[in-house]
Amino acid sequence: MKKLNTGIFIFDGVEVLDFAGPFEVFSRTRLVPGVESRRSDVSAPFNVFTVARSADTVHATGGLRVLPHCDFAGALPIDLFVIPGGFGTRHLLDDLEVREWIQKAASKAQLTTSVCTGALLLAKAGLLSGRRATTHWGAYDLLASLDSTIVVERHMRVVDDGIVTSAGVAAGIDMALAVVESLHGKAVADETAKYMEFPRQRYREP
């Protein structure tokens, strides 16, 4: 089984649950149900890792220090791309190096996703033009201002319009489970949520 290389971008000021929620979902997903299957990676469909601009320590919200698995140059080719949010996204909106890396990584990925204000970075990179998308409720207007062609869905928790975006923070778990369902079916997604003891609701559009 070919595992999907799942790269999660992290940066100073990233919201902890924005990246840790999807990391938990994708790293704990197994195609074989049960607790025992989690003791190995044999039936794991995702190879999950964090990526940052450099290999230096990333300072997330609340002072959590995180050591990324790799930097931009050292990252494996990304099949499933996750861009979390947090107050740190504001400082990256005009960062050309980050924008170009996001554009390049997304162009090669099988699927690109965002959590919370990670959608702002996708918008700035031109990747949400003409698409429906959502973000944290506190950034709806900012997202709309970055690209007038984006249809901002203000009442959706997860929106899939080629690129999958989600509302803020904890909604990233719902987004990741929706992606698992789209790739491996509802039974696998529901079993992953059960393992996590996460009360899953079907926020994804029919």
N, C-alpha and C. Protein backbone atom coordinates (compact mmCIF):
# COMPACT_ATOMS: atom_id res chain seq x y z
N MET A 1 0.83 -1.20 0.00
CA MET A 1 0.00 0.00 0.00
C MET A 1 0.87 1.25 0.00
N LYS A 2 0.63 2.14 -0.95
CA LYS A 2 1.36 3.40 -1.00
C LYS A 2 0.73 4.38 -0.02
N LYS A 3 1.52 4.83 0.91
CA LYS A 3 1.02 5.80 1.88
C LYS A 3 1.07 7.20 1.27
N LEU A 4 0.09 8.01 1.60
CA LEU A 4 0.09 9.39 1.15
C LEU A 4 0.99 10.23 2.05
N ASN A 5 1.97 10.86 1.48
CA ASN A 5 2.82 11.77 2.24
C ASN A 5 1.99 12.99 2.63
N THR A 6 1.77 13.14 3.92
CA THR A 6 0.88 14.17 4.44
C THR A 6 1.70 15.23 5.15
N GLY A 7 1.91 16.35 4.48
CA GLY A 7 2.75 17.42 5.01
C GLY A 7 1.92 18.51 5.65
N ILE A 8 2.22 18.81 6.90
CA ILE A 8 1.51 19.85 7.64
C ILE A 8 2.47 21.02 7.89
N PHE A 9 2.15 22.16 7.33
CA PHE A 9 2.99 23.36 7.45
C PHE A 9 2.83 23.94 8.86
N ILE A 10 3.94 24.21 9.53
CA ILE A 10 3.89 24.88 10.82
C ILE A 10 4.82 26.09 10.80
N PHE A 11 4.52 27.05 11.66
CA PHE A 11 5.21 28.34 11.63
C PHE A 11 5.01 29.01 12.97
N ASP A 12 5.84 30.00 13.27
CA ASP A 12 5.68 30.73 14.52
C ASP A 12 4.28 31.35 14.58
N GLY A 13 3.59 31.13 15.70
CA GLY A 13 2.26 31.65 15.85
C GLY A 13 1.17 30.74 15.31
N VAL A 14 1.53 29.50 14.96
CA VAL A 14 0.52 28.55 14.51
C VAL A 14 -0.35 28.14 15.70
N GLU A 15 -1.64 27.99 15.47
CA GLU A 15 -2.56 27.54 16.51
C GLU A 15 -2.33 26.05 16.76
N VAL A 16 -2.18 25.66 18.01
CA VAL A 16 -1.78 24.28 18.34
C VAL A 16 -2.75 23.25 17.78
N LEU A 17 -4.03 23.39 18.07
CA LEU A 17 -4.98 22.37 17.64
C LEU A 17 -5.20 22.40 16.13
N ASP A 18 -4.90 23.53 15.50
CA ASP A 18 -5.01 23.60 14.04
C ASP A 18 -4.14 22.55 13.35
N PHE A 19 -2.92 22.37 13.88
CA PHE A 19 -2.05 21.37 13.26
C PHE A 19 -2.08 20.04 14.00
N ALA A 20 -2.25 20.08 15.33
CA ALA A 20 -2.23 18.84 16.11
C ALA A 20 -3.49 18.01 15.87
N GLY A 21 -4.63 18.66 15.63
CA GLY A 21 -5.86 17.91 15.37
C GLY A 21 -5.76 17.06 14.12
N PRO A 22 -5.46 17.68 12.95
CA PRO A 22 -5.27 16.87 11.75
C PRO A 22 -4.12 15.88 11.87
N PHE A 23 -3.04 16.26 12.57
CA PHE A 23 -1.93 15.32 12.75
C PHE A 23 -2.43 14.07 13.48
N GLU A 24 -3.23 14.25 14.53
CA GLU A 24 -3.77 13.12 15.27
C GLU A 24 -4.65 12.25 14.39
N VAL A 25 -5.54 12.88 13.64
CA VAL A 25 -6.44 12.11 12.78
C VAL A 25 -5.66 11.30 11.75
N PHE A 26 -4.82 11.97 10.98
CA PHE A 26 -4.13 11.28 9.90
C PHE A 26 -3.11 10.25 10.41
N SER A 27 -2.45 10.56 11.52
CA SER A 27 -1.45 9.62 12.03
C SER A 27 -2.08 8.42 12.74
N ARG A 28 -3.33 8.55 13.19
CA ARG A 28 -4.00 7.46 13.89
C ARG A 28 -4.94 6.66 12.99
N THR A 29 -5.17 7.11 11.78
CA THR A 29 -6.04 6.38 10.86
C THR A 29 -5.42 5.03 10.49
N ARG A 30 -6.23 4.00 10.55
CA ARG A 30 -5.81 2.66 10.14
C ARG A 30 -6.91 2.04 9.28
N LEU A 31 -6.50 1.27 8.30
CA LEU A 31 -7.48 0.57 7.46
C LEU A 31 -7.97 -0.70 8.12
N VAL A 32 -7.25 -1.16 9.14
CA VAL A 32 -7.68 -2.30 9.96
C VAL A 32 -8.16 -1.73 11.29
N PRO A 33 -9.40 -2.00 11.69
CA PRO A 33 -9.94 -1.40 12.92
C PRO A 33 -9.34 -1.98 14.18
N GLY A 34 -9.52 -1.25 15.27
CA GLY A 34 -9.12 -1.76 16.58
C GLY A 34 -7.91 -1.08 17.16
N VAL A 35 -7.76 -1.24 18.46
CA VAL A 35 -6.64 -0.62 19.17
C VAL A 35 -5.31 -1.24 18.74
N GLU A 36 -5.28 -2.53 18.55
CA GLU A 36 -4.02 -3.22 18.25
C GLU A 36 -3.41 -2.74 16.94
N SER A 37 -4.24 -2.37 15.98
CA SER A 37 -3.70 -1.93 14.69
C SER A 37 -2.91 -0.64 14.83
N ARG A 38 -3.16 0.12 15.89
CA ARG A 38 -2.45 1.38 16.10
C ARG A 38 -1.04 1.16 16.66
N ARG A 39 -0.72 -0.06 17.00
CA ARG A 39 0.61 -0.34 17.55
C ARG A 39 1.68 -0.48 16.45
N SER A 40 1.25 -0.46 15.20
CA SER A 40 2.19 -0.48 14.09
C SER A 40 1.64 0.38 12.96
N ASP A 41 2.45 0.59 11.95
CA ASP A 41 2.03 1.41 10.81
C ASP A 41 1.65 0.57 9.60
N VAL A 42 1.48 -0.73 9.79
CA VAL A 42 1.23 -1.63 8.67
C VAL A 42 0.00 -1.21 7.87
N SER A 43 -1.09 -0.86 8.56
CA SER A 43 -2.32 -0.50 7.84
C SER A 43 -2.58 1.01 7.86
N ALA A 44 -1.52 1.78 8.11
CA ALA A 44 -1.65 3.24 8.12
C ALA A 44 -1.58 3.78 6.70
N PRO A 45 -2.60 4.50 6.24
CA PRO A 45 -2.58 4.99 4.86
C PRO A 45 -1.87 6.34 4.68
N PHE A 46 -1.48 6.96 5.79
CA PHE A 46 -0.85 8.28 5.71
C PHE A 46 0.52 8.26 6.38
N ASN A 47 1.49 8.91 5.74
CA ASN A 47 2.80 9.17 6.33
C ASN A 47 2.83 10.65 6.68
N VAL A 48 2.68 10.97 7.96
CA VAL A 48 2.43 12.34 8.39
C VAL A 48 3.70 13.00 8.93
N PHE A 49 3.93 14.23 8.50
CA PHE A 49 5.10 14.96 8.99
C PHE A 49 4.82 16.46 8.97
N THR A 50 5.57 17.20 9.79
CA THR A 50 5.46 18.65 9.82
C THR A 50 6.58 19.26 8.99
N VAL A 51 6.26 20.40 8.37
CA VAL A 51 7.23 21.10 7.53
C VAL A 51 7.25 22.57 7.94
N ALA A 52 8.44 23.13 8.07
CA ALA A 52 8.58 24.55 8.39
C ALA A 52 9.61 25.17 7.46
N ARG A 53 9.68 26.49 7.49
CA ARG A 53 10.66 27.17 6.64
C ARG A 53 12.08 26.69 6.92
N SER A 54 12.37 26.51 8.19
CA SER A 54 13.68 26.01 8.59
C SER A 54 13.49 24.89 9.60
N ALA A 55 14.56 24.22 9.94
CA ALA A 55 14.50 23.12 10.90
C ALA A 55 14.55 23.61 12.34
N ASP A 56 14.56 24.93 12.53
CA ASP A 56 14.62 25.48 13.88
C ASP A 56 13.29 25.29 14.61
N THR A 57 13.33 25.43 15.91
CA THR A 57 12.13 25.28 16.73
C THR A 57 11.06 26.29 16.33
N VAL A 58 9.83 25.81 16.21
CA VAL A 58 8.67 26.66 15.93
C VAL A 58 7.98 26.96 17.25
N HIS A 59 7.60 28.21 17.44
CA HIS A 59 6.91 28.62 18.66
C HIS A 59 5.42 28.80 18.34
N ALA A 60 4.63 27.83 18.76
CA ALA A 60 3.19 27.86 18.52
C ALA A 60 2.49 28.72 19.57
N THR A 61 1.18 28.89 19.43
CA THR A 61 0.44 29.68 20.40
C THR A 61 0.53 29.03 21.78
N GLY A 62 0.47 29.87 22.79
CA GLY A 62 0.55 29.38 24.16
C GLY A 62 1.96 29.04 24.60
N GLY A 63 2.94 29.28 23.72
CA GLY A 63 4.33 29.03 24.08
C GLY A 63 4.81 27.61 23.81
N LEU A 64 3.97 26.79 23.17
CA LEU A 64 4.41 25.42 22.85
C LEU A 64 5.53 25.48 21.83
N ARG A 65 6.61 24.75 22.12
CA ARG A 65 7.73 24.69 21.19
C ARG A 65 7.70 23.36 20.45
N VAL A 66 7.81 23.44 19.13
CA VAL A 66 7.69 22.26 18.27
C VAL A 66 8.89 22.19 17.35
N LEU A 67 9.47 21.01 17.24
CA LEU A 67 10.59 20.80 16.32
C LEU A 67 10.05 20.16 15.05
N PRO A 68 10.08 20.86 13.92
CA PRO A 68 9.52 20.30 12.69
C PRO A 68 10.32 19.10 12.21
N HIS A 69 9.66 18.22 11.49
CA HIS A 69 10.35 17.06 10.93
C HIS A 69 11.35 17.48 9.85
N CYS A 70 11.00 18.52 9.08
CA CYS A 70 11.88 18.92 7.98
C CYS A 70 11.62 20.37 7.59
N ASP A 71 12.53 20.91 6.80
CA ASP A 71 12.33 22.26 6.28
C ASP A 71 11.83 22.15 4.84
N PHE A 72 11.59 23.31 4.21
CA PHE A 72 11.05 23.32 2.85
C PHE A 72 11.91 22.46 1.92
N ALA A 73 13.21 22.65 1.99
CA ALA A 73 14.10 21.96 1.05
C ALA A 73 14.16 20.46 1.30
N GLY A 74 13.98 20.06 2.55
CA GLY A 74 14.15 18.65 2.88
C GLY A 74 12.87 17.84 2.91
N ALA A 75 11.76 18.46 2.60
CA ALA A 75 10.48 17.75 2.69
C ALA A 75 10.30 16.74 1.56
N LEU A 76 9.68 15.63 1.90
CA LEU A 76 9.29 14.67 0.88
C LEU A 76 8.24 15.31 -0.03
N PRO A 77 8.04 14.78 -1.23
CA PRO A 77 6.94 15.28 -2.06
C PRO A 77 5.62 15.12 -1.30
N ILE A 78 4.83 16.18 -1.24
CA ILE A 78 3.60 16.17 -0.43
C ILE A 78 2.41 15.78 -1.29
N ASP A 79 1.71 14.72 -0.86
CA ASP A 79 0.50 14.29 -1.55
C ASP A 79 -0.74 14.95 -0.96
N LEU A 80 -0.77 15.04 0.36
CA LEU A 80 -1.87 15.65 1.09
C LEU A 80 -1.29 16.82 1.88
N PHE A 81 -1.70 18.01 1.53
CA PHE A 81 -1.10 19.24 2.04
C PHE A 81 -2.06 19.90 3.02
N VAL A 82 -1.58 20.18 4.24
CA VAL A 82 -2.41 20.78 5.28
C VAL A 82 -1.79 22.11 5.71
N ILE A 83 -2.56 23.18 5.63
CA ILE A 83 -2.09 24.50 6.06
C ILE A 83 -2.96 24.95 7.23
N PRO A 84 -2.44 24.91 8.44
CA PRO A 84 -3.19 25.37 9.60
C PRO A 84 -3.17 26.89 9.70
N GLY A 85 -3.89 27.41 10.70
CA GLY A 85 -3.94 28.85 10.90
C GLY A 85 -3.36 29.26 12.24
N GLY A 86 -3.77 30.41 12.68
CA GLY A 86 -3.23 31.00 13.90
C GLY A 86 -2.86 32.44 13.61
N PHE A 87 -2.59 33.21 14.65
CA PHE A 87 -2.24 34.61 14.45
C PHE A 87 -0.99 34.79 13.61
N GLY A 88 -0.15 33.75 13.57
CA GLY A 88 1.08 33.83 12.78
C GLY A 88 0.85 33.94 11.29
N THR A 89 -0.35 33.61 10.82
CA THR A 89 -0.61 33.70 9.38
C THR A 89 -0.53 35.15 8.90
N ARG A 90 -0.89 36.10 9.74
CA ARG A 90 -0.91 37.51 9.32
C ARG A 90 0.48 37.97 8.90
N HIS A 91 1.51 37.48 9.61
CA HIS A 91 2.88 37.88 9.29
C HIS A 91 3.38 37.23 8.00
N LEU A 92 2.70 36.18 7.56
CA LEU A 92 3.15 35.44 6.37
C LEU A 92 2.43 35.86 5.10
N LEU A 93 1.40 36.69 5.22
CA LEU A 93 0.61 37.03 4.05
C LEU A 93 1.43 37.70 2.95
N ASP A 94 2.42 38.48 3.33
CA ASP A 94 3.26 39.16 2.33
C ASP A 94 4.65 38.56 2.25
N ASP A 95 4.78 37.32 2.71
CA ASP A 95 6.07 36.63 2.67
C ASP A 95 6.17 35.87 1.35
N LEU A 96 6.97 36.39 0.43
CA LEU A 96 7.05 35.82 -0.92
C LEU A 96 7.58 34.39 -0.91
N GLU A 97 8.57 34.11 -0.07
CA GLU A 97 9.14 32.76 -0.03
C GLU A 97 8.08 31.74 0.38
N VAL A 98 7.31 32.06 1.41
CA VAL A 98 6.26 31.15 1.87
C VAL A 98 5.17 31.02 0.81
N ARG A 99 4.77 32.12 0.21
CA ARG A 99 3.71 32.06 -0.80
C ARG A 99 4.13 31.19 -1.98
N GLU A 100 5.36 31.35 -2.45
CA GLU A 100 5.82 30.56 -3.58
C GLU A 100 5.94 29.09 -3.22
N TRP A 101 6.35 28.81 -1.98
CA TRP A 101 6.44 27.40 -1.56
C TRP A 101 5.05 26.78 -1.49
N ILE A 102 4.08 27.52 -0.97
CA ILE A 102 2.71 27.01 -0.90
C ILE A 102 2.18 26.74 -2.31
N GLN A 103 2.41 27.66 -3.22
CA GLN A 103 1.94 27.48 -4.60
C GLN A 103 2.57 26.23 -5.22
N LYS A 104 3.86 26.05 -5.02
CA LYS A 104 4.55 24.91 -5.60
C LYS A 104 4.08 23.61 -4.98
N ALA A 105 3.97 23.58 -3.64
CA ALA A 105 3.55 22.35 -2.96
C ALA A 105 2.12 21.98 -3.34
N ALA A 106 1.24 22.98 -3.40
CA ALA A 106 -0.16 22.71 -3.74
C ALA A 106 -0.29 22.23 -5.18
N SER A 107 0.54 22.73 -6.07
CA SER A 107 0.44 22.34 -7.48
C SER A 107 0.79 20.86 -7.68
N LYS A 108 1.56 20.32 -6.77
CA LYS A 108 1.99 18.92 -6.89
C LYS A 108 1.18 17.98 -6.00
N ALA A 109 0.43 18.53 -5.06
CA ALA A 109 -0.30 17.70 -4.11
C ALA A 109 -1.56 17.11 -4.74
N GLN A 110 -1.92 15.95 -4.25
CA GLN A 110 -3.18 15.32 -4.67
C GLN A 110 -4.36 16.10 -4.10
N LEU A 111 -4.19 16.60 -2.88
CA LEU A 111 -5.25 17.36 -2.22
C LEU A 111 -4.63 18.40 -1.30
N THR A 112 -5.16 19.61 -1.35
CA THR A 112 -4.72 20.69 -0.47
C THR A 112 -5.85 21.07 0.46
N THR A 113 -5.52 21.28 1.73
CA THR A 113 -6.52 21.60 2.75
C THR A 113 -6.02 22.74 3.63
N SER A 114 -6.97 23.35 4.34
CA SER A 114 -6.58 24.35 5.33
C SER A 114 -7.48 24.25 6.54
N VAL A 115 -6.97 24.75 7.65
CA VAL A 115 -7.71 24.85 8.89
C VAL A 115 -7.68 26.32 9.31
N CYS A 116 -8.84 26.84 9.74
CA CYS A 116 -8.87 28.17 10.33
C CYS A 116 -8.30 29.21 9.35
N THR A 117 -7.43 30.08 9.81
CA THR A 117 -6.90 31.14 8.97
C THR A 117 -5.80 30.68 8.03
N GLY A 118 -5.56 29.39 7.97
CA GLY A 118 -4.70 28.86 6.91
C GLY A 118 -5.28 29.21 5.54
N ALA A 119 -6.61 29.39 5.49
CA ALA A 119 -7.26 29.78 4.24
C ALA A 119 -6.76 31.13 3.74
N LEU A 120 -6.34 32.00 4.64
CA LEU A 120 -5.81 33.30 4.22
C LEU A 120 -4.56 33.12 3.38
N LEU A 121 -3.70 32.18 3.77
CA LEU A 121 -2.48 31.93 3.02
C LEU A 121 -2.79 31.34 1.66
N LEU A 122 -3.79 30.46 1.60
CA LEU A 122 -4.21 29.92 0.31
C LEU A 122 -4.76 31.02 -0.58
N ALA A 123 -5.54 31.92 0.01
CA ALA A 123 -6.11 33.02 -0.77
C ALA A 123 -5.02 33.93 -1.30
N LYS A 124 -4.06 34.24 -0.45
CA LYS A 124 -2.97 35.13 -0.87
C LYS A 124 -2.15 34.51 -1.98
N ALA A 125 -2.08 33.17 -1.97
CA ALA A 125 -1.35 32.45 -3.02
C ALA A 125 -2.17 32.29 -4.29
N GLY A 126 -3.40 32.78 -4.28
CA GLY A 126 -4.25 32.70 -5.45
C GLY A 126 -4.92 31.37 -5.66
N LEU A 127 -4.89 30.52 -4.65
CA LEU A 127 -5.39 29.15 -4.81
C LEU A 127 -6.87 29.00 -4.52
N LEU A 128 -7.49 30.04 -3.98
CA LEU A 128 -8.93 29.98 -3.70
C LEU A 128 -9.75 30.82 -4.67
N SER A 129 -9.13 31.37 -5.67
CA SER A 129 -9.85 32.22 -6.61
C SER A 129 -11.00 31.46 -7.27
N GLY A 130 -12.19 32.06 -7.21
CA GLY A 130 -13.36 31.45 -7.82
C GLY A 130 -13.92 30.26 -7.08
N ARG A 131 -13.40 29.99 -5.89
CA ARG A 131 -13.85 28.83 -5.12
C ARG A 131 -14.68 29.27 -3.92
N ARG A 132 -15.42 28.32 -3.38
CA ARG A 132 -16.07 28.47 -2.10
C ARG A 132 -15.09 28.05 -1.02
N ALA A 133 -15.10 28.76 0.10
CA ALA A 133 -14.15 28.44 1.18
C ALA A 133 -14.67 28.99 2.50
N THR A 134 -14.09 28.50 3.58
CA THR A 134 -14.41 29.04 4.90
C THR A 134 -13.13 29.20 5.70
N THR A 135 -13.28 29.80 6.87
CA THR A 135 -12.15 30.07 7.75
C THR A 135 -12.70 30.32 9.16
N HIS A 136 -11.86 30.74 10.07
CA HIS A 136 -12.32 31.11 11.41
C HIS A 136 -13.32 32.25 11.30
N TRP A 137 -14.33 32.24 12.15
CA TRP A 137 -15.37 33.27 12.08
C TRP A 137 -14.82 34.69 12.22
N GLY A 138 -13.70 34.81 12.92
CA GLY A 138 -13.12 36.14 13.10
C GLY A 138 -12.36 36.65 11.89
N ALA A 139 -12.25 35.83 10.84
CA ALA A 139 -11.47 36.23 9.66
C ALA A 139 -12.28 36.17 8.37
N TYR A 140 -13.61 36.04 8.47
CA TYR A 140 -14.44 35.99 7.26
C TYR A 140 -14.19 37.20 6.36
N ASP A 141 -14.26 38.38 6.95
CA ASP A 141 -14.13 39.60 6.15
C ASP A 141 -12.74 39.74 5.57
N LEU A 142 -11.72 39.35 6.33
CA LEU A 142 -10.36 39.43 5.83
C LEU A 142 -10.18 38.48 4.65
N LEU A 143 -10.72 37.29 4.76
CA LEU A 143 -10.62 36.34 3.64
C LEU A 143 -11.28 36.92 2.40
N ALA A 144 -12.46 37.50 2.56
CA ALA A 144 -13.17 38.09 1.42
C ALA A 144 -12.38 39.24 0.81
N SER A 145 -11.68 40.00 1.65
CA SER A 145 -10.95 41.17 1.16
C SER A 145 -9.70 40.78 0.36
N LEU A 146 -9.18 39.59 0.60
CA LEU A 146 -7.97 39.16 -0.09
C LEU A 146 -8.23 38.78 -1.54
N ASP A 147 -9.45 38.35 -1.83
CA ASP A 147 -9.81 37.95 -3.19
C ASP A 147 -11.33 38.02 -3.30
N SER A 148 -11.81 38.98 -4.07
CA SER A 148 -13.26 39.19 -4.16
C SER A 148 -13.98 38.06 -4.88
N THR A 149 -13.24 37.16 -5.55
CA THR A 149 -13.89 36.05 -6.26
C THR A 149 -14.17 34.86 -5.34
N ILE A 150 -13.64 34.88 -4.13
CA ILE A 150 -13.89 33.79 -3.18
C ILE A 150 -15.29 33.94 -2.60
N VAL A 151 -16.04 32.84 -2.62
CA VAL A 151 -17.35 32.82 -1.97
C VAL A 151 -17.14 32.32 -0.55
N VAL A 152 -17.21 33.22 0.41
CA VAL A 152 -16.93 32.86 1.80
C VAL A 152 -18.19 32.25 2.43
N GLU A 153 -18.07 30.99 2.78
CA GLU A 153 -19.18 30.26 3.42
C GLU A 153 -19.10 30.51 4.93
N ARG A 154 -19.98 31.34 5.43
CA ARG A 154 -19.90 31.78 6.82
C ARG A 154 -20.63 30.86 7.80
N HIS A 155 -21.29 29.85 7.30
CA HIS A 155 -22.05 28.96 8.18
C HIS A 155 -21.70 27.50 7.96
N MET A 156 -20.56 27.24 7.32
CA MET A 156 -20.12 25.87 7.06
C MET A 156 -18.89 25.55 7.91
N ARG A 157 -18.84 24.35 8.41
CA ARG A 157 -17.68 23.92 9.21
C ARG A 157 -16.58 23.36 8.30
N VAL A 158 -16.98 22.67 7.25
CA VAL A 158 -16.04 22.13 6.28
C VAL A 158 -16.58 22.40 4.89
N VAL A 159 -15.74 22.94 4.01
CA VAL A 159 -16.15 23.24 2.63
C VAL A 159 -15.16 22.58 1.67
N ASP A 160 -15.69 21.82 0.73
CA ASP A 160 -14.86 21.16 -0.27
C ASP A 160 -15.23 21.70 -1.64
N ASP A 161 -14.34 22.49 -2.20
CA ASP A 161 -14.52 22.99 -3.57
C ASP A 161 -13.20 22.80 -4.32
N GLY A 162 -12.77 21.54 -4.34
CA GLY A 162 -11.47 21.23 -4.94
C GLY A 162 -10.35 21.35 -3.93
N ILE A 163 -10.34 22.43 -3.20
CA ILE A 163 -9.50 22.60 -2.01
C ILE A 163 -10.43 22.52 -0.81
N VAL A 164 -10.02 21.81 0.22
CA VAL A 164 -10.88 21.61 1.40
C VAL A 164 -10.46 22.60 2.48
N THR A 165 -11.38 23.46 2.89
CA THR A 165 -11.11 24.43 3.95
C THR A 165 -12.04 24.15 5.13
N SER A 166 -11.62 24.58 6.30
CA SER A 166 -12.47 24.38 7.47
C SER A 166 -12.53 25.63 8.32
N ALA A 167 -13.51 25.67 9.19
CA ALA A 167 -13.63 26.75 10.17
C ALA A 167 -12.48 26.63 11.18
N GLY A 168 -12.58 27.34 12.29
CA GLY A 168 -11.44 27.48 13.17
C GLY A 168 -11.14 26.32 14.10
N VAL A 169 -9.88 26.19 14.41
CA VAL A 169 -9.30 25.40 15.49
C VAL A 169 -9.80 23.95 15.50
N ALA A 170 -10.78 23.63 16.34
CA ALA A 170 -11.24 22.24 16.46
C ALA A 170 -11.88 21.72 15.18
N ALA A 171 -12.34 22.63 14.30
CA ALA A 171 -12.95 22.20 13.05
C ALA A 171 -11.95 21.46 12.15
N GLY A 172 -10.68 21.64 12.41
CA GLY A 172 -9.68 20.91 11.63
C GLY A 172 -9.79 19.41 11.82
N ILE A 173 -10.27 18.96 12.97
CA ILE A 173 -10.48 17.53 13.19
C ILE A 173 -11.59 17.03 12.29
N ASP A 174 -12.68 17.81 12.20
CA ASP A 174 -13.77 17.45 11.30
C ASP A 174 -13.30 17.42 9.85
N MET A 175 -12.48 18.40 9.48
CA MET A 175 -11.95 18.44 8.12
C MET A 175 -11.13 17.21 7.82
N ALA A 176 -10.24 16.84 8.74
CA ALA A 176 -9.37 15.69 8.51
C ALA A 176 -10.18 14.40 8.42
N LEU A 177 -11.18 14.25 9.26
CA LEU A 177 -12.03 13.06 9.20
C LEU A 177 -12.83 13.04 7.90
N ALA A 178 -13.25 14.21 7.41
CA ALA A 178 -13.94 14.27 6.12
C ALA A 178 -13.02 13.83 4.99
N VAL A 179 -11.76 14.21 5.07
CA VAL A 179 -10.78 13.79 4.06
C VAL A 179 -10.57 12.28 4.13
N VAL A 180 -10.44 11.75 5.35
CA VAL A 180 -10.30 10.30 5.51
C VAL A 180 -11.50 9.59 4.87
N GLU A 181 -12.69 10.10 5.12
CA GLU A 181 -13.89 9.49 4.54
C GLU A 181 -13.87 9.53 3.02
N SER A 182 -13.45 10.66 2.46
CA SER A 182 -13.43 10.79 1.00
C SER A 182 -12.42 9.84 0.36
N LEU A 183 -11.36 9.54 1.06
CA LEU A 183 -10.31 8.69 0.51
C LEU A 183 -10.49 7.21 0.84
N HIS A 184 -11.04 6.93 2.03
CA HIS A 184 -11.07 5.53 2.49
C HIS A 184 -12.44 5.06 2.98
N GLY A 185 -13.44 5.92 2.88
CA GLY A 185 -14.79 5.51 3.21
C GLY A 185 -15.21 5.90 4.61
N LYS A 186 -16.53 5.92 4.80
CA LYS A 186 -17.11 6.36 6.05
C LYS A 186 -16.74 5.45 7.22
N ALA A 187 -16.68 4.13 6.98
CA ALA A 187 -16.39 3.20 8.07
C ALA A 187 -15.01 3.47 8.67
N VAL A 188 -14.03 3.74 7.82
CA VAL A 188 -12.67 4.02 8.31
C VAL A 188 -12.65 5.35 9.07
N ALA A 189 -13.34 6.36 8.53
CA ALA A 189 -13.37 7.66 9.21
C ALA A 189 -14.08 7.55 10.56
N ASP A 190 -15.20 6.86 10.58
CA ASP A 190 -15.96 6.72 11.84
C ASP A 190 -15.16 5.93 12.87
N GLU A 191 -14.44 4.89 12.41
CA GLU A 191 -13.66 4.08 13.35
C GLU A 191 -12.49 4.88 13.90
N THR A 192 -11.91 5.75 13.07
CA THR A 192 -10.83 6.63 13.54
C THR A 192 -11.35 7.58 14.60
N ALA A 193 -12.53 8.16 14.37
CA ALA A 193 -13.14 9.05 15.36
C ALA A 193 -13.44 8.29 16.65
N LYS A 194 -13.90 7.06 16.51
CA LYS A 194 -14.19 6.25 17.70
C LYS A 194 -12.91 5.99 18.50
N TYR A 195 -11.83 5.66 17.80
CA TYR A 195 -10.55 5.43 18.49
C TYR A 195 -10.14 6.69 19.25
N MET A 196 -10.34 7.85 18.64
CA MET A 196 -9.98 9.12 19.27
C MET A 196 -10.99 9.55 20.33
N GLU A 197 -12.10 8.83 20.43
CA GLU A 197 -13.22 9.21 21.30
C GLU A 197 -13.68 10.62 20.97
N PHE A 198 -13.80 10.87 19.67
CA PHE A 198 -14.25 12.16 19.17
C PHE A 198 -15.69 12.01 18.66
N PRO A 199 -16.63 12.79 19.19
CA PRO A 199 -18.03 12.66 18.78
C PRO A 199 -18.24 13.28 17.41
N ARG A 200 -18.07 12.46 16.39
CA ARG A 200 -18.12 12.96 15.03
C ARG A 200 -19.52 13.33 14.58
N GLN A 201 -19.60 14.47 13.88
CA GLN A 201 -20.84 14.86 13.20
C GLN A 201 -20.51 15.06 11.73
N ARG A 202 -21.51 14.90 10.88
CA ARG A 202 -21.26 14.98 9.45
C ARG A 202 -21.37 16.44 8.99
N TYR A 203 -20.25 17.16 9.15
CA TYR A 203 -20.24 18.56 8.74
C TYR A 203 -19.95 18.72 7.26
N ARG A 204 -19.42 17.67 6.65
CA ARG A 204 -19.10 17.76 5.23
C ARG A 204 -20.39 17.81 4.42
N GLU A 205 -20.34 18.59 3.34
CA GLU A 205 -21.51 18.71 2.48
C GLU A 205 -21.81 17.37 1.81
N PRO A 206 -23.11 17.07 1.53
CA PRO A 206 -23.45 15.84 0.83
C PRO A 206 -22.97 15.85 -0.60
